[in-house]
């Protein structure tokens, strides 16, 4: 009987972890809302809008890793979003599990105007593959943004 209770507890724990990991809105509320505001609207001149931008970036295959890199390693430097210059520092969230990074990116892709071609959802495996590469500094991520032309993909 005791082994059945332990097995049931482990199954419940695993199910709870899976459900939590799949809740991108909750991950956003806990980690991103303070700066990027409700529904990813941003704060003009201070924190960039994510709504409508994450989906546009994710729709470009060569730019998808950049989204994972921004969340994992942060970003530092000047950017212009919606015609507003922003000088800021996005903190690194390397401690967030791969599945949660995928979930929050998938949630963000649902906000704002959808791109013409819907991007594939992010998976924990895709996030893990990007993170398995070379770790970047926040300024390296900013340089990657310029190289990829993110400002043209998602102004």
N, C-alpha and C. Protein backbone atom coordinates (compact mmCIF):
# COMPACT_ATOMS: atom_id res chain seq x y z
N UNK A 1 0.82 -1.19 0.00
CA UNK A 1 0.00 0.00 0.00
C UNK A 1 0.88 1.27 0.00
N UNK A 2 1.93 1.23 0.80
CA UNK A 2 2.81 2.39 0.88
C UNK A 2 3.45 2.70 -0.47
N UNK A 3 3.87 1.66 -1.21
CA UNK A 3 4.49 1.87 -2.52
C UNK A 3 3.49 2.45 -3.52
N UNK A 4 2.22 2.09 -3.39
CA UNK A 4 1.18 2.65 -4.26
C UNK A 4 1.03 4.15 -3.96
N UNK A 5 1.02 4.53 -2.70
CA UNK A 5 0.90 5.94 -2.33
C UNK A 5 2.10 6.74 -2.83
N UNK A 6 3.28 6.18 -2.71
CA UNK A 6 4.48 6.86 -3.20
C UNK A 6 4.40 7.03 -4.71
N UNK A 7 4.01 5.97 -5.41
CA UNK A 7 3.89 6.05 -6.87
C UNK A 7 2.86 7.10 -7.27
N UNK A 8 1.72 7.13 -6.59
CA UNK A 8 0.68 8.12 -6.90
C UNK A 8 1.19 9.54 -6.62
N UNK A 9 1.93 9.70 -5.55
CA UNK A 9 2.50 11.02 -5.22
C UNK A 9 3.47 11.47 -6.29
N UNK A 10 4.31 10.56 -6.75
CA UNK A 10 5.28 10.91 -7.80
C UNK A 10 4.57 11.26 -9.10
N UNK A 11 3.53 10.53 -9.45
CA UNK A 11 2.77 10.83 -10.67
C UNK A 11 2.11 12.20 -10.54
N UNK A 12 1.52 12.48 -9.40
CA UNK A 12 0.88 13.79 -9.18
C UNK A 12 1.90 14.91 -9.24
N UNK A 13 3.06 14.69 -8.65
CA UNK A 13 4.11 15.69 -8.69
C UNK A 13 4.57 15.95 -10.12
N UNK A 14 4.77 14.88 -10.88
CA UNK A 14 5.19 15.03 -12.28
C UNK A 14 4.12 15.74 -13.10
N UNK A 15 2.87 15.41 -12.88
CA UNK A 15 1.78 16.06 -13.61
C UNK A 15 1.71 17.54 -13.26
N UNK A 16 1.90 17.87 -11.99
CA UNK A 16 1.89 19.27 -11.58
C UNK A 16 3.03 20.05 -12.20
N UNK A 17 4.20 19.43 -12.30
CA UNK A 17 5.36 20.08 -12.91
C UNK A 17 5.11 20.33 -14.38
N UNK A 18 4.54 19.35 -15.08
CA UNK A 18 4.25 19.51 -16.50
C UNK A 18 3.25 20.63 -16.72
N UNK A 19 2.20 20.66 -15.91
CA UNK A 19 1.19 21.71 -16.06
C UNK A 19 1.80 23.08 -15.82
N UNK A 20 2.64 23.21 -14.79
CA UNK A 20 3.26 24.49 -14.50
C UNK A 20 4.19 24.92 -15.62
N UNK A 21 4.96 23.97 -16.12
CA UNK A 21 5.92 24.29 -17.17
C UNK A 21 5.23 24.74 -18.44
N UNK A 22 4.01 24.25 -18.67
CA UNK A 22 3.29 24.58 -19.90
C UNK A 22 2.54 25.90 -19.79
N UNK A 23 2.55 26.56 -18.65
CA UNK A 23 1.77 27.78 -18.45
C UNK A 23 2.62 29.02 -18.71
N UNK A 24 2.73 29.38 -19.98
CA UNK A 24 3.53 30.53 -20.37
C UNK A 24 3.04 31.84 -19.80
N UNK A 25 1.72 31.98 -19.66
CA UNK A 25 1.16 33.21 -19.09
C UNK A 25 1.62 33.38 -17.65
N UNK A 26 1.65 32.28 -16.90
CA UNK A 26 2.10 32.36 -15.50
C UNK A 26 3.58 32.70 -15.43
N UNK A 27 4.39 32.12 -16.31
CA UNK A 27 5.82 32.43 -16.34
C UNK A 27 6.01 33.92 -16.65
N UNK A 28 5.24 34.42 -17.61
CA UNK A 28 5.30 35.84 -17.97
C UNK A 28 4.92 36.71 -16.76
N UNK A 29 3.82 36.38 -16.11
CA UNK A 29 3.35 37.16 -14.97
C UNK A 29 4.40 37.20 -13.86
N UNK A 30 5.07 36.10 -13.64
CA UNK A 30 6.04 36.01 -12.56
C UNK A 30 7.35 36.71 -12.88
N UNK A 31 7.77 36.71 -14.14
CA UNK A 31 9.12 37.18 -14.47
C UNK A 31 9.20 38.40 -15.37
N UNK A 32 8.17 38.66 -16.16
CA UNK A 32 8.28 39.67 -17.22
C UNK A 32 7.31 40.84 -17.08
N UNK A 33 6.21 40.62 -16.40
CA UNK A 33 5.13 41.60 -16.32
C UNK A 33 5.58 42.96 -15.81
N UNK A 34 6.44 42.97 -14.81
CA UNK A 34 6.83 44.24 -14.19
C UNK A 34 7.39 45.23 -15.22
N UNK A 35 8.20 44.74 -16.13
CA UNK A 35 8.79 45.63 -17.13
C UNK A 35 7.96 45.70 -18.41
N UNK A 36 7.58 44.54 -18.93
CA UNK A 36 6.94 44.50 -20.24
C UNK A 36 5.43 44.71 -20.17
N UNK A 37 4.89 44.87 -18.98
CA UNK A 37 3.52 45.27 -18.75
C UNK A 37 2.49 44.23 -19.21
N UNK A 38 1.25 44.51 -18.89
CA UNK A 38 0.15 43.61 -19.21
C UNK A 38 0.07 43.35 -20.71
N UNK A 39 -0.16 42.10 -21.06
CA UNK A 39 -0.28 41.67 -22.45
C UNK A 39 0.94 42.04 -23.29
N UNK A 40 2.09 42.22 -22.66
CA UNK A 40 3.32 42.50 -23.39
C UNK A 40 3.33 43.84 -24.10
N UNK A 41 2.57 44.80 -23.59
CA UNK A 41 2.43 46.11 -24.24
C UNK A 41 3.68 46.97 -24.11
N UNK A 42 4.55 46.68 -23.16
CA UNK A 42 5.76 47.47 -22.95
C UNK A 42 5.44 48.83 -22.35
N UNK A 43 6.47 49.63 -22.22
CA UNK A 43 6.35 50.98 -21.69
C UNK A 43 7.23 51.86 -22.56
N UNK A 44 6.60 52.67 -23.41
CA UNK A 44 7.31 53.45 -24.43
C UNK A 44 8.53 54.16 -23.86
N UNK A 45 9.65 53.98 -24.54
CA UNK A 45 10.88 54.62 -24.14
C UNK A 45 11.62 53.96 -22.99
N UNK A 46 11.00 52.95 -22.36
CA UNK A 46 11.64 52.29 -21.23
C UNK A 46 11.79 50.78 -21.40
N UNK A 47 10.70 50.11 -21.76
CA UNK A 47 10.70 48.66 -21.93
C UNK A 47 9.97 48.32 -23.22
N UNK A 48 10.59 47.56 -24.10
CA UNK A 48 9.99 47.32 -25.42
C UNK A 48 8.70 46.51 -25.36
N UNK A 49 7.84 46.81 -26.32
CA UNK A 49 6.62 46.04 -26.53
C UNK A 49 7.02 44.67 -27.04
N UNK A 50 6.41 43.63 -26.50
CA UNK A 50 6.64 42.27 -26.96
C UNK A 50 5.49 41.78 -27.83
N UNK A 51 4.29 42.27 -27.55
CA UNK A 51 3.10 41.87 -28.30
C UNK A 51 3.28 42.20 -29.78
N UNK A 52 3.08 41.21 -30.63
CA UNK A 52 3.21 41.39 -32.06
C UNK A 52 4.64 41.31 -32.56
N UNK A 53 5.60 41.44 -31.68
CA UNK A 53 7.01 41.42 -32.09
C UNK A 53 7.60 40.02 -31.95
N UNK A 54 7.30 39.31 -30.87
CA UNK A 54 7.88 37.99 -30.65
C UNK A 54 7.44 37.03 -31.75
N UNK A 55 6.17 37.06 -32.12
CA UNK A 55 5.68 36.20 -33.20
C UNK A 55 6.37 36.51 -34.52
N UNK A 56 6.56 37.79 -34.81
CA UNK A 56 7.23 38.19 -36.06
C UNK A 56 8.68 37.69 -36.09
N UNK A 57 9.37 37.79 -34.97
CA UNK A 57 10.76 37.32 -34.90
C UNK A 57 10.80 35.79 -34.99
N UNK A 58 9.90 35.12 -34.28
CA UNK A 58 9.88 33.65 -34.27
C UNK A 58 9.54 33.08 -35.64
N UNK A 59 8.88 33.86 -36.49
CA UNK A 59 8.52 33.40 -37.83
C UNK A 59 9.72 33.35 -38.77
N UNK A 60 10.83 33.96 -38.37
CA UNK A 60 12.06 33.96 -39.18
C UNK A 60 13.02 32.93 -38.59
N UNK A 61 13.19 31.79 -39.29
CA UNK A 61 13.98 30.69 -38.71
C UNK A 61 15.34 31.09 -38.15
N UNK A 62 16.09 31.94 -38.84
CA UNK A 62 17.43 32.29 -38.35
C UNK A 62 17.38 33.20 -37.13
N UNK A 63 16.21 33.79 -36.85
CA UNK A 63 16.09 34.71 -35.71
C UNK A 63 15.55 34.02 -34.45
N UNK A 64 15.01 32.82 -34.58
CA UNK A 64 14.43 32.13 -33.42
C UNK A 64 15.41 31.97 -32.26
N UNK A 65 16.66 31.56 -32.52
CA UNK A 65 17.59 31.41 -31.40
C UNK A 65 17.79 32.71 -30.62
N UNK A 66 17.71 33.84 -31.31
CA UNK A 66 17.87 35.14 -30.65
C UNK A 66 16.88 35.30 -29.49
N UNK A 67 15.65 34.88 -29.69
CA UNK A 67 14.64 35.01 -28.62
C UNK A 67 15.05 34.22 -27.39
N UNK A 68 15.55 33.02 -27.60
CA UNK A 68 16.02 32.19 -26.48
C UNK A 68 17.23 32.84 -25.83
N UNK A 69 18.12 33.40 -26.64
CA UNK A 69 19.32 34.05 -26.11
C UNK A 69 18.98 35.28 -25.28
N UNK A 70 18.02 36.07 -25.71
CA UNK A 70 17.63 37.25 -24.93
C UNK A 70 17.14 36.82 -23.55
N UNK A 71 16.30 35.81 -23.51
CA UNK A 71 15.79 35.35 -22.22
C UNK A 71 16.89 34.71 -21.37
N UNK A 72 17.77 33.97 -22.00
CA UNK A 72 18.79 33.24 -21.25
C UNK A 72 19.94 34.10 -20.78
N UNK A 73 20.40 35.02 -21.65
CA UNK A 73 21.62 35.78 -21.36
C UNK A 73 21.39 37.26 -21.14
N UNK A 74 20.17 37.73 -21.36
CA UNK A 74 19.88 39.16 -21.22
C UNK A 74 20.37 39.93 -22.43
N UNK A 75 20.20 41.24 -22.37
CA UNK A 75 20.67 42.10 -23.46
C UNK A 75 20.93 43.48 -22.90
N UNK A 76 21.99 44.10 -23.40
CA UNK A 76 22.36 45.43 -22.95
C UNK A 76 22.71 46.28 -24.16
N UNK A 77 22.13 47.48 -24.21
CA UNK A 77 22.47 48.39 -25.30
C UNK A 77 21.26 49.17 -25.77
N UNK A 78 21.49 50.03 -26.74
CA UNK A 78 20.43 50.87 -27.30
C UNK A 78 19.63 50.09 -28.33
N UNK A 79 18.32 50.22 -28.24
CA UNK A 79 17.42 49.67 -29.25
C UNK A 79 16.35 50.72 -29.53
N UNK A 80 15.72 50.61 -30.67
CA UNK A 80 14.58 51.47 -30.99
C UNK A 80 13.40 50.57 -31.26
N UNK A 81 12.32 50.81 -30.54
CA UNK A 81 11.09 50.03 -30.70
C UNK A 81 9.94 51.02 -30.81
N UNK A 82 9.12 50.83 -31.83
CA UNK A 82 7.98 51.73 -32.08
C UNK A 82 8.43 53.18 -32.19
N UNK A 83 9.61 53.38 -32.78
CA UNK A 83 10.14 54.73 -32.97
C UNK A 83 10.71 55.37 -31.72
N UNK A 84 10.72 54.66 -30.62
CA UNK A 84 11.22 55.18 -29.35
C UNK A 84 12.57 54.56 -29.01
N UNK A 85 13.60 55.39 -28.81
CA UNK A 85 14.89 54.83 -28.39
C UNK A 85 14.80 54.34 -26.94
N UNK A 86 15.43 53.22 -26.69
CA UNK A 86 15.46 52.64 -25.35
C UNK A 86 16.90 52.27 -25.04
N UNK A 87 17.41 52.77 -23.94
CA UNK A 87 18.73 52.36 -23.45
C UNK A 87 18.46 51.57 -22.19
N UNK A 88 18.74 50.29 -22.26
CA UNK A 88 18.39 49.51 -21.09
C UNK A 88 19.19 48.25 -20.95
N UNK A 89 18.78 47.50 -19.97
CA UNK A 89 19.44 46.23 -19.65
C UNK A 89 18.35 45.21 -19.36
N UNK A 90 18.27 44.21 -20.20
CA UNK A 90 17.37 43.08 -19.96
C UNK A 90 18.15 42.09 -19.12
N UNK A 91 17.64 41.72 -17.95
CA UNK A 91 18.38 40.76 -17.13
C UNK A 91 18.36 39.36 -17.74
N UNK A 92 19.33 38.57 -17.39
CA UNK A 92 19.38 37.17 -17.83
C UNK A 92 18.44 36.34 -16.97
N UNK A 93 17.78 35.39 -17.61
CA UNK A 93 16.88 34.47 -16.91
C UNK A 93 17.32 33.03 -17.16
N UNK A 94 18.61 32.79 -17.04
CA UNK A 94 19.16 31.45 -17.30
C UNK A 94 18.61 30.41 -16.33
N UNK A 95 18.13 30.84 -15.17
CA UNK A 95 17.62 29.90 -14.18
C UNK A 95 16.25 29.35 -14.55
N UNK A 96 15.56 29.95 -15.50
CA UNK A 96 14.24 29.46 -15.90
C UNK A 96 14.42 28.19 -16.72
N UNK A 97 13.72 27.12 -16.36
CA UNK A 97 13.86 25.85 -17.08
C UNK A 97 13.51 25.98 -18.57
N UNK A 98 14.10 25.12 -19.37
CA UNK A 98 13.89 25.13 -20.82
C UNK A 98 12.40 25.09 -21.19
N UNK A 99 11.65 24.23 -20.53
CA UNK A 99 10.22 24.11 -20.84
C UNK A 99 9.47 25.40 -20.55
N UNK A 100 9.87 26.10 -19.50
CA UNK A 100 9.22 27.37 -19.15
C UNK A 100 9.59 28.47 -20.14
N UNK A 101 10.83 28.47 -20.63
CA UNK A 101 11.24 29.44 -21.65
C UNK A 101 10.41 29.21 -22.91
N UNK A 102 10.28 27.94 -23.32
CA UNK A 102 9.46 27.62 -24.49
C UNK A 102 8.02 28.07 -24.27
N UNK A 103 7.49 27.81 -23.09
CA UNK A 103 6.10 28.16 -22.80
C UNK A 103 5.88 29.67 -22.84
N UNK A 104 6.79 30.45 -22.27
CA UNK A 104 6.59 31.90 -22.27
C UNK A 104 6.74 32.46 -23.68
N UNK A 105 7.66 31.93 -24.46
CA UNK A 105 7.78 32.38 -25.86
C UNK A 105 6.52 32.04 -26.64
N UNK A 106 5.97 30.85 -26.41
CA UNK A 106 4.73 30.47 -27.09
C UNK A 106 3.57 31.37 -26.66
N UNK A 107 3.52 31.73 -25.39
CA UNK A 107 2.50 32.66 -24.92
C UNK A 107 2.67 34.02 -25.59
N UNK A 108 3.89 34.51 -25.64
CA UNK A 108 4.14 35.83 -26.24
C UNK A 108 3.79 35.86 -27.72
N UNK A 109 3.93 34.73 -28.40
CA UNK A 109 3.57 34.69 -29.81
C UNK A 109 2.07 34.85 -30.03
N UNK A 110 1.27 34.64 -28.98
CA UNK A 110 -0.19 34.79 -29.12
C UNK A 110 -0.64 36.23 -28.89
N UNK A 111 0.25 37.10 -28.46
CA UNK A 111 -0.13 38.47 -28.14
C UNK A 111 0.07 39.38 -29.34
N UNK A 112 -0.82 40.32 -29.52
CA UNK A 112 -0.68 41.30 -30.59
C UNK A 112 -1.02 40.70 -31.95
N UNK A 113 -0.67 41.45 -32.97
CA UNK A 113 -0.95 41.05 -34.35
C UNK A 113 -0.13 39.82 -34.71
N UNK A 114 -0.82 38.84 -35.27
CA UNK A 114 -0.14 37.60 -35.68
C UNK A 114 0.59 37.82 -36.99
N UNK A 115 1.77 37.20 -37.14
CA UNK A 115 2.47 37.30 -38.42
C UNK A 115 1.69 36.57 -39.51
N UNK A 116 1.98 36.90 -40.78
CA UNK A 116 1.26 36.26 -41.90
C UNK A 116 1.39 34.75 -41.84
N UNK A 117 2.60 34.28 -41.60
CA UNK A 117 2.81 32.84 -41.48
C UNK A 117 3.05 32.53 -40.01
N UNK A 118 2.17 31.73 -39.44
CA UNK A 118 2.30 31.40 -38.02
C UNK A 118 3.58 30.61 -37.77
N UNK A 119 4.38 31.07 -36.81
CA UNK A 119 5.62 30.33 -36.49
C UNK A 119 5.31 29.03 -35.76
N UNK A 120 6.20 28.08 -35.90
CA UNK A 120 6.08 26.83 -35.14
C UNK A 120 6.24 27.15 -33.67
N UNK A 121 5.55 26.41 -32.81
CA UNK A 121 5.75 26.62 -31.38
C UNK A 121 7.17 26.24 -30.96
N UNK A 122 7.64 26.89 -29.92
CA UNK A 122 8.94 26.54 -29.34
C UNK A 122 8.76 25.27 -28.51
N UNK A 123 9.81 24.47 -28.46
CA UNK A 123 9.81 23.28 -27.61
C UNK A 123 10.95 23.41 -26.60
N UNK A 124 10.85 22.64 -25.54
CA UNK A 124 11.94 22.62 -24.56
C UNK A 124 13.23 22.15 -25.21
N UNK A 125 13.13 21.23 -26.18
CA UNK A 125 14.31 20.72 -26.86
C UNK A 125 14.97 21.81 -27.71
N UNK A 126 14.17 22.66 -28.35
CA UNK A 126 14.74 23.76 -29.13
C UNK A 126 15.47 24.74 -28.21
N UNK A 127 14.87 25.05 -27.09
CA UNK A 127 15.50 25.94 -26.12
C UNK A 127 16.79 25.32 -25.60
N UNK A 128 16.74 24.05 -25.26
CA UNK A 128 17.93 23.36 -24.75
C UNK A 128 19.05 23.38 -25.79
N UNK A 129 18.72 23.20 -27.06
CA UNK A 129 19.74 23.19 -28.11
C UNK A 129 20.43 24.55 -28.23
N UNK A 130 19.65 25.62 -28.12
CA UNK A 130 20.25 26.96 -28.19
C UNK A 130 21.14 27.19 -26.97
N UNK A 131 20.64 26.82 -25.82
CA UNK A 131 21.40 27.02 -24.59
C UNK A 131 22.65 26.15 -24.52
N UNK A 132 22.67 25.04 -25.26
CA UNK A 132 23.84 24.16 -25.26
C UNK A 132 24.99 24.77 -26.06
N UNK A 133 24.70 25.78 -26.87
CA UNK A 133 25.74 26.46 -27.62
C UNK A 133 26.55 27.37 -26.71
N UNK A 134 27.34 28.20 -27.34
CA UNK A 134 28.20 29.11 -26.57
C UNK A 134 27.36 30.11 -25.78
N UNK A 135 27.67 30.27 -24.51
CA UNK A 135 27.01 31.27 -23.68
C UNK A 135 27.44 32.65 -24.16
N UNK A 136 26.51 33.58 -24.14
CA UNK A 136 26.78 34.93 -24.63
C UNK A 136 26.68 35.94 -23.50
N UNK A 137 27.32 37.07 -23.69
CA UNK A 137 27.13 38.18 -22.76
C UNK A 137 25.92 38.97 -23.24
N UNK A 138 25.44 39.86 -22.39
CA UNK A 138 24.31 40.71 -22.76
C UNK A 138 24.66 41.60 -23.96
N UNK A 139 25.90 42.02 -24.08
CA UNK A 139 26.30 42.83 -25.23
C UNK A 139 26.45 41.97 -26.49
N UNK A 140 26.82 40.70 -26.34
CA UNK A 140 26.85 39.78 -27.49
C UNK A 140 25.45 39.60 -28.06
N UNK A 141 24.47 39.48 -27.20
CA UNK A 141 23.08 39.32 -27.65
C UNK A 141 22.64 40.58 -28.39
N UNK A 142 23.02 41.74 -27.88
CA UNK A 142 22.70 43.00 -28.56
C UNK A 142 23.33 43.02 -29.94
N UNK A 143 24.56 42.57 -30.06
CA UNK A 143 25.24 42.52 -31.37
C UNK A 143 24.53 41.55 -32.31
N UNK A 144 24.07 40.43 -31.79
CA UNK A 144 23.33 39.47 -32.61
C UNK A 144 22.04 40.10 -33.13
N UNK A 145 21.42 40.92 -32.32
CA UNK A 145 20.19 41.62 -32.73
C UNK A 145 20.45 42.45 -33.98
N UNK A 146 21.56 43.17 -33.98
CA UNK A 146 21.91 44.00 -35.13
C UNK A 146 22.23 43.14 -36.34
N UNK A 147 22.99 42.09 -36.15
CA UNK A 147 23.39 41.19 -37.25
C UNK A 147 22.17 40.55 -37.92
N UNK A 148 21.18 40.18 -37.11
CA UNK A 148 19.98 39.53 -37.63
C UNK A 148 18.98 40.51 -38.24
N UNK A 149 19.17 41.79 -38.00
CA UNK A 149 18.22 42.78 -38.51
C UNK A 149 16.88 42.73 -37.81
N UNK A 150 16.90 42.47 -36.51
CA UNK A 150 15.67 42.35 -35.74
C UNK A 150 14.82 43.62 -35.85
N UNK A 151 15.44 44.77 -35.90
CA UNK A 151 14.70 46.03 -36.00
C UNK A 151 13.84 46.07 -37.26
N UNK A 152 14.28 45.40 -38.32
CA UNK A 152 13.48 45.36 -39.56
C UNK A 152 12.42 44.27 -39.52
N UNK A 153 12.71 43.20 -38.80
CA UNK A 153 11.75 42.09 -38.68
C UNK A 153 10.58 42.52 -37.80
N UNK A 154 10.88 43.16 -36.69
CA UNK A 154 9.86 43.54 -35.72
C UNK A 154 10.16 44.95 -35.21
N UNK A 155 9.80 45.96 -36.01
CA UNK A 155 10.12 47.34 -35.60
C UNK A 155 9.38 47.68 -34.37
